[in-house]
PDB file of N, CA and C in Angstrom:
ATOM      1  N   UNK A   1      27.910 125.604 100.016  1.00  0.00           N
ATOM      2  CA  UNK A   1      28.378 124.276 100.333  1.00  0.00           C
ATOM      3  C   UNK A   1      29.850 124.172  99.928  1.00  0.00           C
ATOM      4  N   UNK A   2      30.659 123.621 100.822  1.00  0.00           N
ATOM      5  CA  UNK A   2      32.073 123.436 100.587  1.00  0.00           C
ATOM      6  C   UNK A   2      32.297 122.308  99.592  1.00  0.00           C
ATOM      7  N   UNK A   3      33.105 122.569  98.591  1.00  0.00           N
ATOM      8  CA  UNK A   3      33.474 121.506  97.643  1.00  0.00           C
ATOM      9  C   UNK A   3      34.744 120.837  98.164  1.00  0.00           C
ATOM     10  N   UNK A   4      34.703 119.536  98.304  1.00  0.00           N
ATOM     11  CA  UNK A   4      35.840 118.793  98.836  1.00  0.00           C
ATOM     12  C   UNK A   4      36.334 117.834  97.766  1.00  0.00           C
ATOM     13  N   UNK A   5      37.646 117.862  97.523  1.00  0.00           N
ATOM     14  CA  UNK A   5      38.239 116.994  96.515  1.00  0.00           C
ATOM     15  C   UNK A   5      39.243 116.048  97.155  1.00  0.00           C
ATOM     16  N   UNK A   6      39.598 114.995  96.443  1.00  0.00           N
ATOM     17  CA  UNK A   6      40.594 114.042  96.927  1.00  0.00           C
ATOM     18  C   UNK A   6      41.868 114.758  97.325  1.00  0.00           C
ATOM     19  N   UNK A   7      42.419 114.332  98.444  1.00  0.00           N
ATOM     20  CA  UNK A   7      43.655 114.906  98.930  1.00  0.00           C
ATOM     21  C   UNK A   7      43.458 116.131  99.812  1.00  0.00           C
ATOM     22  N   UNK A   8      42.203 116.558  99.990  1.00  0.00           N
ATOM     23  CA  UNK A   8      41.942 117.691 100.880  1.00  0.00           C
ATOM     24  C   UNK A   8      42.360 117.313 102.290  1.00  0.00           C
ATOM     25  N   UNK A   9      42.862 118.264 103.038  1.00  0.00           N
ATOM     26  CA  UNK A   9      43.244 117.991 104.409  1.00  0.00           C
ATOM     27  C   UNK A   9      41.980 117.709 105.214  1.00  0.00           C
ATOM     28  N   UNK A  10      41.951 116.553 105.863  1.00  0.00           N
ATOM     29  CA  UNK A  10      40.762 116.115 106.594  1.00  0.00           C
ATOM     30  C   UNK A  10      40.347 117.124 107.653  1.00  0.00           C
ATOM     31  N   UNK A  11      41.324 117.772 108.272  1.00  0.00           N
ATOM     32  CA  UNK A  11      41.006 118.738 109.323  1.00  0.00           C
ATOM     33  C   UNK A  11      40.284 119.967 108.776  1.00  0.00           C
ATOM     34  N   UNK A  12      40.374 120.195 107.482  1.00  0.00           N
ATOM     35  CA  UNK A  12      39.731 121.360 106.882  1.00  0.00           C
ATOM     36  C   UNK A  12      38.356 121.076 106.293  1.00  0.00           C
ATOM     37  N   UNK A  13      37.881 119.850 106.414  1.00  0.00           N
ATOM     38  CA  UNK A  13      36.565 119.511 105.870  1.00  0.00           C
ATOM     39  C   UNK A  13      35.517 119.915 106.895  1.00  0.00           C
ATOM     40  N   UNK A  14      34.801 120.965 106.584  1.00  0.00           N
ATOM     41  CA  UNK A  14      33.825 121.524 107.512  1.00  0.00           C
ATOM     42  C   UNK A  14      32.659 120.588 107.758  1.00  0.00           C
ATOM     43  N   UNK A  15      32.281 120.454 109.029  1.00  0.00           N
ATOM     44  CA  UNK A  15      31.095 119.694 109.399  1.00  0.00           C
ATOM     45  C   UNK A  15      31.230 118.192 109.320  1.00  0.00           C
ATOM     46  N   UNK A  16      32.432 117.674 109.080  1.00  0.00           N
ATOM     47  CA  UNK A  16      32.615 116.229 108.980  1.00  0.00           C
ATOM     48  C   UNK A  16      32.563 115.604 110.370  1.00  0.00           C
ATOM     49  N   UNK A  17      31.685 114.620 110.532  1.00  0.00           N
ATOM     50  CA  UNK A  17      31.602 113.855 111.782  1.00  0.00           C
ATOM     51  C   UNK A  17      32.238 112.495 111.498  1.00  0.00           C
ATOM     52  N   UNK A  18      33.505 112.352 111.831  1.00  0.00           N
ATOM     53  CA  UNK A  18      34.260 111.155 111.514  1.00  0.00           C
ATOM     54  C   UNK A  18      33.858 109.997 112.411  1.00  0.00           C
ATOM     55  N   UNK A  19      33.718 108.826 111.797  1.00  0.00           N
ATOM     56  CA  UNK A  19      33.343 107.610 112.535  1.00  0.00           C
ATOM     57  C   UNK A  19      34.264 106.479 112.121  1.00  0.00           C
ATOM     58  N   UNK A  20      34.549 105.592 113.074  1.00  0.00           N
ATOM     59  CA  UNK A  20      35.309 104.399 112.749  1.00  0.00           C
ATOM     60  C   UNK A  20      34.547 103.176 113.220  1.00  0.00           C
ATOM     61  N   UNK A  21      34.911 102.060 112.681  1.00  0.00           N
ATOM     62  CA  UNK A  21      34.223 100.817 112.997  1.00  0.00           C
ATOM     63  C   UNK A  21      34.409 100.435 114.458  1.00  0.00           C
ATOM     64  N   UNK A  22      33.368  99.868 115.033  1.00  0.00           N
ATOM     65  CA  UNK A  22      33.476  99.354 116.397  1.00  0.00           C
ATOM     66  C   UNK A  22      34.406  98.140 116.433  1.00  0.00           C
ATOM     67  N   UNK A  23      34.752  97.605 115.281  1.00  0.00           N
ATOM     68  CA  UNK A  23      35.653  96.452 115.184  1.00  0.00           C
ATOM     69  C   UNK A  23      37.111  96.866 115.006  1.00  0.00           C
ATOM     70  N   UNK A  24      37.392  98.141 115.136  1.00  0.00           N
ATOM     71  CA  UNK A  24      38.740  98.637 114.877  1.00  0.00           C
ATOM     72  C   UNK A  24      39.764  98.133 115.880  1.00  0.00           C
ATOM     73  N   UNK A  25      39.352  97.744 117.059  1.00  0.00           N
ATOM     74  CA  UNK A  25      40.267  97.173 118.038  1.00  0.00           C
ATOM     75  C   UNK A  25      41.033  98.184 118.869  1.00  0.00           C
ATOM     76  N   UNK A  26      40.896  99.462 118.588  1.00  0.00           N
ATOM     77  CA  UNK A  26      41.531 100.488 119.400  1.00  0.00           C
ATOM     78  C   UNK A  26      43.043 100.542 119.321  1.00  0.00           C
ATOM     79  N   UNK A  27      43.640  99.956 118.280  1.00  0.00           N
ATOM     80  CA  UNK A  27      45.093  99.966 118.161  1.00  0.00           C
ATOM     81  C   UNK A  27      45.622 101.160 117.367  1.00  0.00           C
ATOM     82  N   UNK A  28      44.744 102.046 116.962  1.00  0.00           N
ATOM     83  CA  UNK A  28      45.156 103.238 116.229  1.00  0.00           C
ATOM     84  C   UNK A  28      45.302 103.059 114.740  1.00  0.00           C
ATOM     85  N   UNK A  29      45.105 101.861 114.229  1.00  0.00           N
ATOM     86  CA  UNK A  29      45.212 101.607 112.793  1.00  0.00           C
ATOM     87  C   UNK A  29      43.820 101.481 112.203  1.00  0.00           C
ATOM     88  N   UNK A  30      43.137 102.586 112.117  1.00  0.00           N
ATOM     89  CA  UNK A  30      41.734 102.559 111.709  1.00  0.00           C
ATOM     90  C   UNK A  30      41.502 103.430 110.481  1.00  0.00           C
ATOM     91  N   UNK A  31      40.473 103.089 109.769  1.00  0.00           N
ATOM     92  CA  UNK A  31      39.966 103.928 108.695  1.00  0.00           C
ATOM     93  C   UNK A  31      38.719 104.606 109.248  1.00  0.00           C
ATOM     94  N   UNK A  32      38.611 105.901 109.053  1.00  0.00           N
ATOM     95  CA  UNK A  32      37.436 106.643 109.503  1.00  0.00           C
ATOM     96  C   UNK A  32      36.709 107.208 108.295  1.00  0.00           C
ATOM     97  N   UNK A  33      35.397 107.281 108.372  1.00  0.00           N
ATOM     98  CA  UNK A  33      34.589 107.810 107.279  1.00  0.00           C
ATOM     99  C   UNK A  33      33.676 108.916 107.788  1.00  0.00           C
ATOM    100  N   UNK A  34      33.310 109.803 106.888  1.00  0.00           N
ATOM    101  CA  UNK A  34      32.364 110.875 107.203  1.00  0.00           C
ATOM    102  C   UNK A  34      31.519 111.139 105.969  1.00  0.00           C
ATOM    103  N   UNK A  35      30.227 111.283 106.168  1.00  0.00           N
ATOM    104  CA  UNK A  35      29.339 111.666 105.079  1.00  0.00           C
ATOM    105  C   UNK A  35      29.346 113.184 104.991  1.00  0.00           C
ATOM    106  N   UNK A  36      29.559 113.701 103.794  1.00  0.00           N
ATOM    107  CA  UNK A  36      29.665 115.143 103.593  1.00  0.00           C
ATOM    108  C   UNK A  36      28.325 115.733 103.160  1.00  0.00           C
ATOM    109  N   UNK A  37      28.221 117.041 103.261  1.00  0.00           N
ATOM    110  CA  UNK A  37      26.965 117.743 102.977  1.00  0.00           C
ATOM    111  C   UNK A  37      26.447 117.471 101.568  1.00  0.00           C
ATOM    112  N   UNK A  38      27.339 117.281 100.609  1.00  0.00           N
ATOM    113  CA  UNK A  38      26.927 117.035  99.233  1.00  0.00           C
ATOM    114  C   UNK A  38      26.618 115.583  98.941  1.00  0.00           C
ATOM    115  N   UNK A  39      26.712 114.713  99.963  1.00  0.00           N
ATOM    116  CA  UNK A  39      26.411 113.304  99.785  1.00  0.00           C
ATOM    117  C   UNK A  39      27.637 112.437  99.573  1.00  0.00           C
ATOM    118  N   UNK A  40      28.805 113.056  99.343  1.00  0.00           N
ATOM    119  CA  UNK A  40      30.017 112.274  99.180  1.00  0.00           C
ATOM    120  C   UNK A  40      30.418 111.646 100.511  1.00  0.00           C
ATOM    121  N   UNK A  41      31.336 110.689 100.432  1.00  0.00           N
ATOM    122  CA  UNK A  41      31.861 110.043 101.627  1.00  0.00           C
ATOM    123  C   UNK A  41      33.367 110.266 101.637  1.00  0.00           C
ATOM    124  N   UNK A  42      33.866 110.839 102.733  1.00  0.00           N
ATOM    125  CA  UNK A  42      35.304 111.068 102.888  1.00  0.00           C
ATOM    126  C   UNK A  42      35.885 109.955 103.748  1.00  0.00           C
ATOM    127  N   UNK A  43      37.113 109.561 103.441  1.00  0.00           N
ATOM    128  CA  UNK A  43      37.808 108.486 104.153  1.00  0.00           C
ATOM    129  C   UNK A  43      39.175 109.026 104.566  1.00  0.00           C
ATOM    130  N   UNK A  44      39.547 108.763 105.837  1.00  0.00           N
ATOM    131  CA  UNK A  44      40.865 109.186 106.307  1.00  0.00           C
ATOM    132  C   UNK A  44      41.488 108.099 107.182  1.00  0.00           C
ATOM    133  N   UNK A  45      42.788 108.223 107.399  1.00  0.00           N
ATOM    134  CA  UNK A  45      43.537 107.333 108.272  1.00  0.00           C
ATOM    135  C   UNK A  45      43.483 107.924 109.675  1.00  0.00           C
ATOM    136  N   UNK A  46      43.019 107.163 110.653  1.00  0.00           N
ATOM    137  CA  UNK A  46      42.871 107.697 112.008  1.00  0.00           C
ATOM    138  C   UNK A  46      44.209 108.060 112.649  1.00  0.00           C
ATOM    139  N   UNK A  47      45.301 107.471 112.171  1.00  0.00           N
ATOM    140  CA  UNK A  47      46.621 107.815 112.709  1.00  0.00           C
ATOM    141  C   UNK A  47      47.047 109.211 112.293  1.00  0.00           C
ATOM    142  N   UNK A  48      46.448 109.728 111.213  1.00  0.00           N
ATOM    143  CA  UNK A  48      46.792 111.046 110.697  1.00  0.00           C
ATOM    144  C   UNK A  48      45.514 111.865 110.491  1.00  0.00           C
ATOM    145  N   UNK A  49      44.820 112.226 111.573  1.00  0.00           N
ATOM    146  CA  UNK A  49      43.519 112.889 111.450  1.00  0.00           C
ATOM    147  C   UNK A  49      43.566 114.240 110.745  1.00  0.00           C
ATOM    148  N   UNK A  50      44.722 114.865 110.708  1.00  0.00           N
ATOM    149  CA  UNK A  50      44.834 116.144 110.008  1.00  0.00           C
ATOM    150  C   UNK A  50      45.364 115.967 108.595  1.00  0.00           C
ATOM    151  N   UNK A  51      45.655 114.728 108.227  1.00  0.00           N
ATOM    152  CA  UNK A  51      46.214 114.438 106.913  1.00  0.00           C
ATOM    153  C   UNK A  51      45.165 114.441 105.822  1.00  0.00           C
ATOM    154  N   UNK A  52      45.540 113.974 104.643  1.00  0.00           N
ATOM    155  CA  UNK A  52      44.626 113.993 103.502  1.00  0.00           C
ATOM    156  C   UNK A  52      43.487 112.996 103.630  1.00  0.00           C
ATOM    157  N   UNK A  53      42.403 113.315 102.977  1.00  0.00           N
ATOM    158  CA  UNK A  53      41.231 112.434 102.920  1.00  0.00           C
ATOM    159  C   UNK A  53      40.961 112.089 101.456  1.00  0.00           C
ATOM    160  N   UNK A  54      40.444 110.892 101.252  1.00  0.00           N
ATOM    161  CA  UNK A  54      39.962 110.502  99.929  1.00  0.00           C
ATOM    162  C   UNK A  54      38.460 110.715  99.927  1.00  0.00           C
ATOM    163  N   UNK A  55      37.932 111.218  98.830  1.00  0.00           N
ATOM    164  CA  UNK A  55      36.506 111.529  98.742  1.00  0.00           C
ATOM    165  C   UNK A  55      35.897 110.724  97.608  1.00  0.00           C
ATOM    166  N   UNK A  56      34.808 110.025  97.937  1.00  0.00           N
ATOM    167  CA  UNK A  56      34.135 109.150  96.978  1.00  0.00           C
ATOM    168  C   UNK A  56      32.668 109.533  96.851  1.00  0.00           C
ATOM    169  N   UNK A  57      32.098 109.229  95.706  1.00  0.00           N
ATOM    170  CA  UNK A  57      30.652 109.418  95.535  1.00  0.00           C
ATOM    171  C   UNK A  57      29.938 108.299  96.280  1.00  0.00           C
ATOM    172  N   UNK A  58      28.676 108.473  96.526  1.00  0.00           N
ATOM    173  CA  UNK A  58      27.887 107.426  97.188  1.00  0.00           C
ATOM    174  C   UNK A  58      27.873 106.153  96.337  1.00  0.00           C
ATOM    175  N   UNK A  59      27.841 106.314  95.017  1.00  0.00           N
ATOM    176  CA  UNK A  59      27.829 105.157  94.129  1.00  0.00           C
ATOM    177  C   UNK A  59      29.144 104.375  94.226  1.00  0.00           C
ATOM    178  N   UNK A  60      30.256 105.089  94.337  1.00  0.00           N
ATOM    179  CA  UNK A  60      31.550 104.420  94.470  1.00  0.00           C
ATOM    180  C   UNK A  60      31.629 103.645  95.789  1.00  0.00           C
ATOM    181  N   UNK A  61      31.171 104.264  96.864  1.00  0.00           N
ATOM    182  CA  UNK A  61      31.173 103.590  98.168  1.00  0.00           C
ATOM    183  C   UNK A  61      30.251 102.373  98.140  1.00  0.00           C
ATOM    184  N   UNK A  62      29.094 102.514  97.502  1.00  0.00           N
ATOM    185  CA  UNK A  62      28.158 101.395  97.417  1.00  0.00           C
ATOM    186  C   UNK A  62      28.788 100.228  96.665  1.00  0.00           C
ATOM    187  N   UNK A  63      29.445 100.519  95.548  1.00  0.00           N
ATOM    188  CA  UNK A  63      30.082  99.457  94.772  1.00  0.00           C
ATOM    189  C   UNK A  63      31.187  98.782  95.582  1.00  0.00           C
ATOM    190  N   UNK A  64      31.972  99.570  96.315  1.00  0.00           N
ATOM    191  CA  UNK A  64      33.029  98.999  97.142  1.00  0.00           C
ATOM    192  C   UNK A  64      32.448  98.121  98.247  1.00  0.00           C
ATOM    193  N   UNK A  65      31.446  98.616  98.934  1.00  0.00           N
ATOM    194  CA  UNK A  65      30.841  97.852 100.027  1.00  0.00           C
ATOM    195  C   UNK A  65      30.220  96.551  99.522  1.00  0.00           C
ATOM    196  N   UNK A  66      29.587  96.591  98.368  1.00  0.00           N
ATOM    197  CA  UNK A  66      29.020  95.369  97.800  1.00  0.00           C
ATOM    198  C   UNK A  66      30.128  94.374  97.478  1.00  0.00           C
ATOM    199  N   UNK A  67      31.274  94.871  96.993  1.00  0.00           N
ATOM    200  CA  UNK A  67      32.402  94.001  96.722  1.00  0.00           C
ATOM    201  C   UNK A  67      32.957  93.373  97.995  1.00  0.00           C
ATOM    202  N   UNK A  68      33.049  94.172  99.065  1.00  0.00           N
ATOM    203  CA  UNK A  68      33.529  93.651 100.351  1.00  0.00           C
ATOM    204  C   UNK A  68      32.582  92.576 100.855  1.00  0.00           C
ATOM    205  N   UNK A  69      31.291  92.876 100.856  1.00  0.00           N
ATOM    206  CA  UNK A  69      30.308  91.901 101.339  1.00  0.00           C
ATOM    207  C   UNK A  69      30.291  90.639 100.496  1.00  0.00           C
ATOM    208  N   UNK A  70      30.596  90.780  99.216  1.00  0.00           N
ATOM    209  CA  UNK A  70      30.599  89.629  98.317  1.00  0.00           C
ATOM    210  C   UNK A  70      31.904  88.846  98.325  1.00  0.00           C
ATOM    211  N   UNK A  71      32.874  89.282  99.128  1.00  0.00           N
ATOM    212  CA  UNK A  71      34.131  88.563  99.235  1.00  0.00           C
ATOM    213  C   UNK A  71      35.163  88.863  98.162  1.00  0.00           C
ATOM    214  N   UNK A  72      34.926  89.881  97.338  1.00  0.00           N
ATOM    215  CA  UNK A  72      35.840  90.193  96.245  1.00  0.00           C
ATOM    216  C   UNK A  72      37.234  90.598  96.695  1.00  0.00           C
ATOM    217  N   UNK A  73      37.361  91.063  97.927  1.00  0.00           N
ATOM    218  CA  UNK A  73      38.643  91.555  98.409  1.00  0.00           C
ATOM    219  C   UNK A  73      39.251  90.656  99.475  1.00  0.00           C
ATOM    220  N   UNK A  74      38.723  89.465  99.629  1.00  0.00           N
ATOM    221  CA  UNK A  74      39.241  88.526 100.631  1.00  0.00           C
ATOM    222  C   UNK A  74      40.706  88.171 100.375  1.00  0.00           C
ATOM    223  N   UNK A  75      41.163  88.283  99.120  1.00  0.00           N
ATOM    224  CA  UNK A  75      42.546  87.963  98.801  1.00  0.00           C
ATOM    225  C   UNK A  75      43.518  88.841  99.576  1.00  0.00           C
ATOM    226  N   UNK A  76      43.090  90.004 100.034  1.00  0.00           N
ATOM    227  CA  UNK A  76      43.986  90.898 100.771  1.00  0.00           C
ATOM    228  C   UNK A  76      44.297  90.372 102.162  1.00  0.00           C
ATOM    229  N   UNK A  77      43.542  89.403 102.628  1.00  0.00           N
ATOM    230  CA  UNK A  77      43.746  88.844 103.961  1.00  0.00           C
ATOM    231  C   UNK A  77      44.536  87.545 103.929  1.00  0.00           C
ATOM    232  N   UNK A  78      44.822  87.057 102.740  1.00  0.00           N
ATOM    233  CA  UNK A  78      45.517  85.767 102.602  1.00  0.00           C
ATOM    234  C   UNK A  78      46.984  85.871 103.003  1.00  0.00           C
TER     235      UNK A  78
END
C-alpha cells in the first residue's frame, strides 16, 4: 500500500478517483477529494490537478464536515 503524506503530488497518488461537488458550478474553482486505500481522504485544487494534495484521516474529515454542517465556518462567507 502506498503511503501518502501532505504535500504529495496529486498526480502521483495511485488509484485516487478524484471527485468534486455537483455544486461546483463548473468555473474551475473546485476542491476535489479522493478516498485512499488506507482510508485517508486526499484533497486537491481542481485548477492544479498535478499539484500538491492535503491528506487527512477519516476522523479529521468527519470533524470538519460536522463543523460545516453545524455552521461553524459560515463566517468565511460573510
